Protein backbone atom coordinates (compact mmCIF):
# COMPACT_ATOMS: atom_id res chain seq x y z
CA MET A 1 -1.98 -15.58 -20.52
CA GLU A 2 -0.35 -14.39 -17.00
CA ASP A 3 1.17 -10.99 -18.28
CA GLN A 4 -2.73 -10.31 -18.55
CA LYS A 5 -3.84 -7.27 -17.06
CA LYS A 6 -6.91 -7.20 -15.07
CA THR A 7 -9.08 -4.78 -13.06
CA TYR A 8 -8.53 -4.56 -8.95
CA TYR A 9 -9.98 -2.53 -6.15
CA ILE A 10 -7.51 -1.69 -3.55
CA ASP A 11 -8.82 -0.35 0.04
CA VAL A 12 -4.89 0.21 1.96
CA GLY A 13 -6.46 0.88 5.40
CA THR A 14 -7.96 -2.78 5.68
CA GLY A 15 -5.49 -4.58 2.90
CA GLY A 16 -8.19 -5.14 0.66
CA ILE A 17 -7.38 -6.09 -2.87
CA SER A 18 -10.58 -7.35 -4.55
CA ARG A 19 -11.82 -7.82 -8.30
CA SER A 20 -15.48 -6.77 -7.66
CA ALA A 21 -15.84 -2.90 -7.16
CA THR A 22 -19.34 -3.37 -4.90
CA ALA A 23 -17.97 -6.33 -2.63
CA SER A 24 -16.42 -3.73 -0.34
CA THR A 25 -15.10 -0.30 0.20
CA TRP A 26 -12.16 1.02 -2.44
CA SER A 27 -10.10 3.45 -2.49
CA TYR A 28 -7.80 2.71 -5.76
CA LYS A 29 -8.93 1.25 -9.04
CA ILE A 30 -5.83 -0.35 -10.63
CA GLU A 31 -4.98 -2.64 -13.42
CA ALA A 32 -2.24 -5.20 -12.66
CA THR A 33 -0.79 -8.51 -13.69
CA ASP A 34 -0.97 -11.77 -11.38
CA ALA A 35 2.49 -11.13 -10.51
CA GLU A 36 1.98 -7.40 -9.50
CA ILE A 37 -1.22 -8.39 -7.47
CA SER A 38 1.02 -11.04 -5.97
CA GLN A 39 3.77 -8.32 -4.96
CA LEU A 40 1.18 -6.14 -3.73
CA ARG A 41 -0.47 -8.61 -1.90
CA ALA A 42 2.91 -9.47 0.07
CA LEU A 43 3.42 -5.91 0.53
CA MET A 44 0.09 -5.25 2.62
CA ASP A 45 0.81 -8.50 4.40
CA GLN A 46 3.94 -7.36 5.70
CA ASN A 47 2.41 -3.85 6.37
CA HIS A 48 -0.37 -5.64 8.24
CA THR A 49 2.19 -7.55 10.57
CA THR A 50 4.15 -4.57 10.73
CA GLU A 51 0.86 -2.37 12.35
CA TRP A 52 0.40 -4.95 14.69
CA LYS A 53 4.12 -5.01 16.22
CA ASN A 54 3.91 -1.02 16.55
CA PHE A 55 0.34 -1.50 18.35
CA PHE A 56 2.56 -3.67 20.60
CA ARG A 57 5.36 -1.63 20.94
CA ALA A 58 3.41 1.67 21.43
CA HIS A 59 2.19 0.53 24.68
CA VAL A 60 5.59 0.35 25.87
CA PRO A 61 7.05 4.17 24.41
CA TYR A 62 10.55 4.02 25.25
CA VAL A 63 11.79 5.52 22.41
CA GLN A 64 10.25 8.25 20.29
CA TYR A 65 8.97 7.69 16.66
CA HIS A 66 11.19 9.04 14.76
CA TYR A 67 14.16 7.62 16.48
CA ASP A 68 12.58 4.11 16.72
CA ARG A 69 14.00 2.24 13.36
CA GLN A 70 11.67 -0.27 13.23
CA ASN A 71 9.42 2.38 12.19
CA ASP A 72 11.51 2.78 8.84
CA ALA A 73 10.39 -0.44 7.87
CA TYR A 74 6.90 0.55 8.36
CA ASP A 75 7.61 4.10 6.38
CA SER A 76 9.04 2.17 3.58
CA THR A 77 6.79 -0.40 3.01
CA ILE A 78 3.73 2.11 2.98
CA GLN A 79 6.08 4.31 0.05
CA GLN A 80 6.29 0.85 -1.55
CA ILE A 81 2.51 0.10 -1.61
CA TYR A 82 1.63 3.57 -3.01
CA GLY A 83 4.30 3.45 -5.55
CA MET A 84 2.92 0.19 -6.71
CA LEU A 85 -0.90 2.02 -6.62
CA TYR A 86 0.83 5.37 -8.69
CA GLN A 87 2.30 3.30 -11.41
CA LEU A 88 -0.81 0.51 -11.79
CA GLY A 89 -3.69 3.13 -11.18
CA ASP A 90 -5.61 5.14 -13.17
CA GLU A 91 -5.70 8.85 -13.32
CA GLU A 92 -7.95 9.59 -10.38
CA ALA A 93 -5.77 7.21 -8.43
CA LYS A 94 -2.28 8.72 -9.37
CA ASN A 95 -3.89 12.12 -9.12
CA HIS A 96 -4.94 11.43 -5.41
CA ILE A 97 -1.54 10.00 -4.40
CA ALA A 98 0.09 12.56 -5.96
CA THR A 99 -1.79 15.00 -3.76
CA MET A 100 -0.35 12.92 -0.63
CA ASN A 101 3.16 13.98 -1.51
CA ILE A 102 4.18 10.42 0.52
CA LEU A 103 6.21 9.24 -2.65
CA PRO A 104 9.62 10.51 -3.81
CA HIS A 105 9.60 12.83 -6.12
CA ASN A 106 11.34 11.06 -8.45
CA ASN A 107 8.78 8.20 -8.43
CA GLU A 108 6.04 10.24 -9.89
């Protein structure tokens, strides 16, 4: 029964994952299993933590963004999140993510 897919509504900006289309704002509609949602939630939590670290680090700008190795983790997490949304998303989500050019071409 855990392998049954359910509809979820996702907002990457806030890290929101909801089963209700009207509970909050959302950008992507996906179909996912409980395991897939757990994996997506972990990535969103990791992204949120990294954003806070980057916020504090930005106030001590001793290294430019493109030279700071910590940003590689953030960029990788964002790509993983959008990769999952692309795989699990409806056609509208896939089309929107494809236009963002955020994913490596071999994931599409």
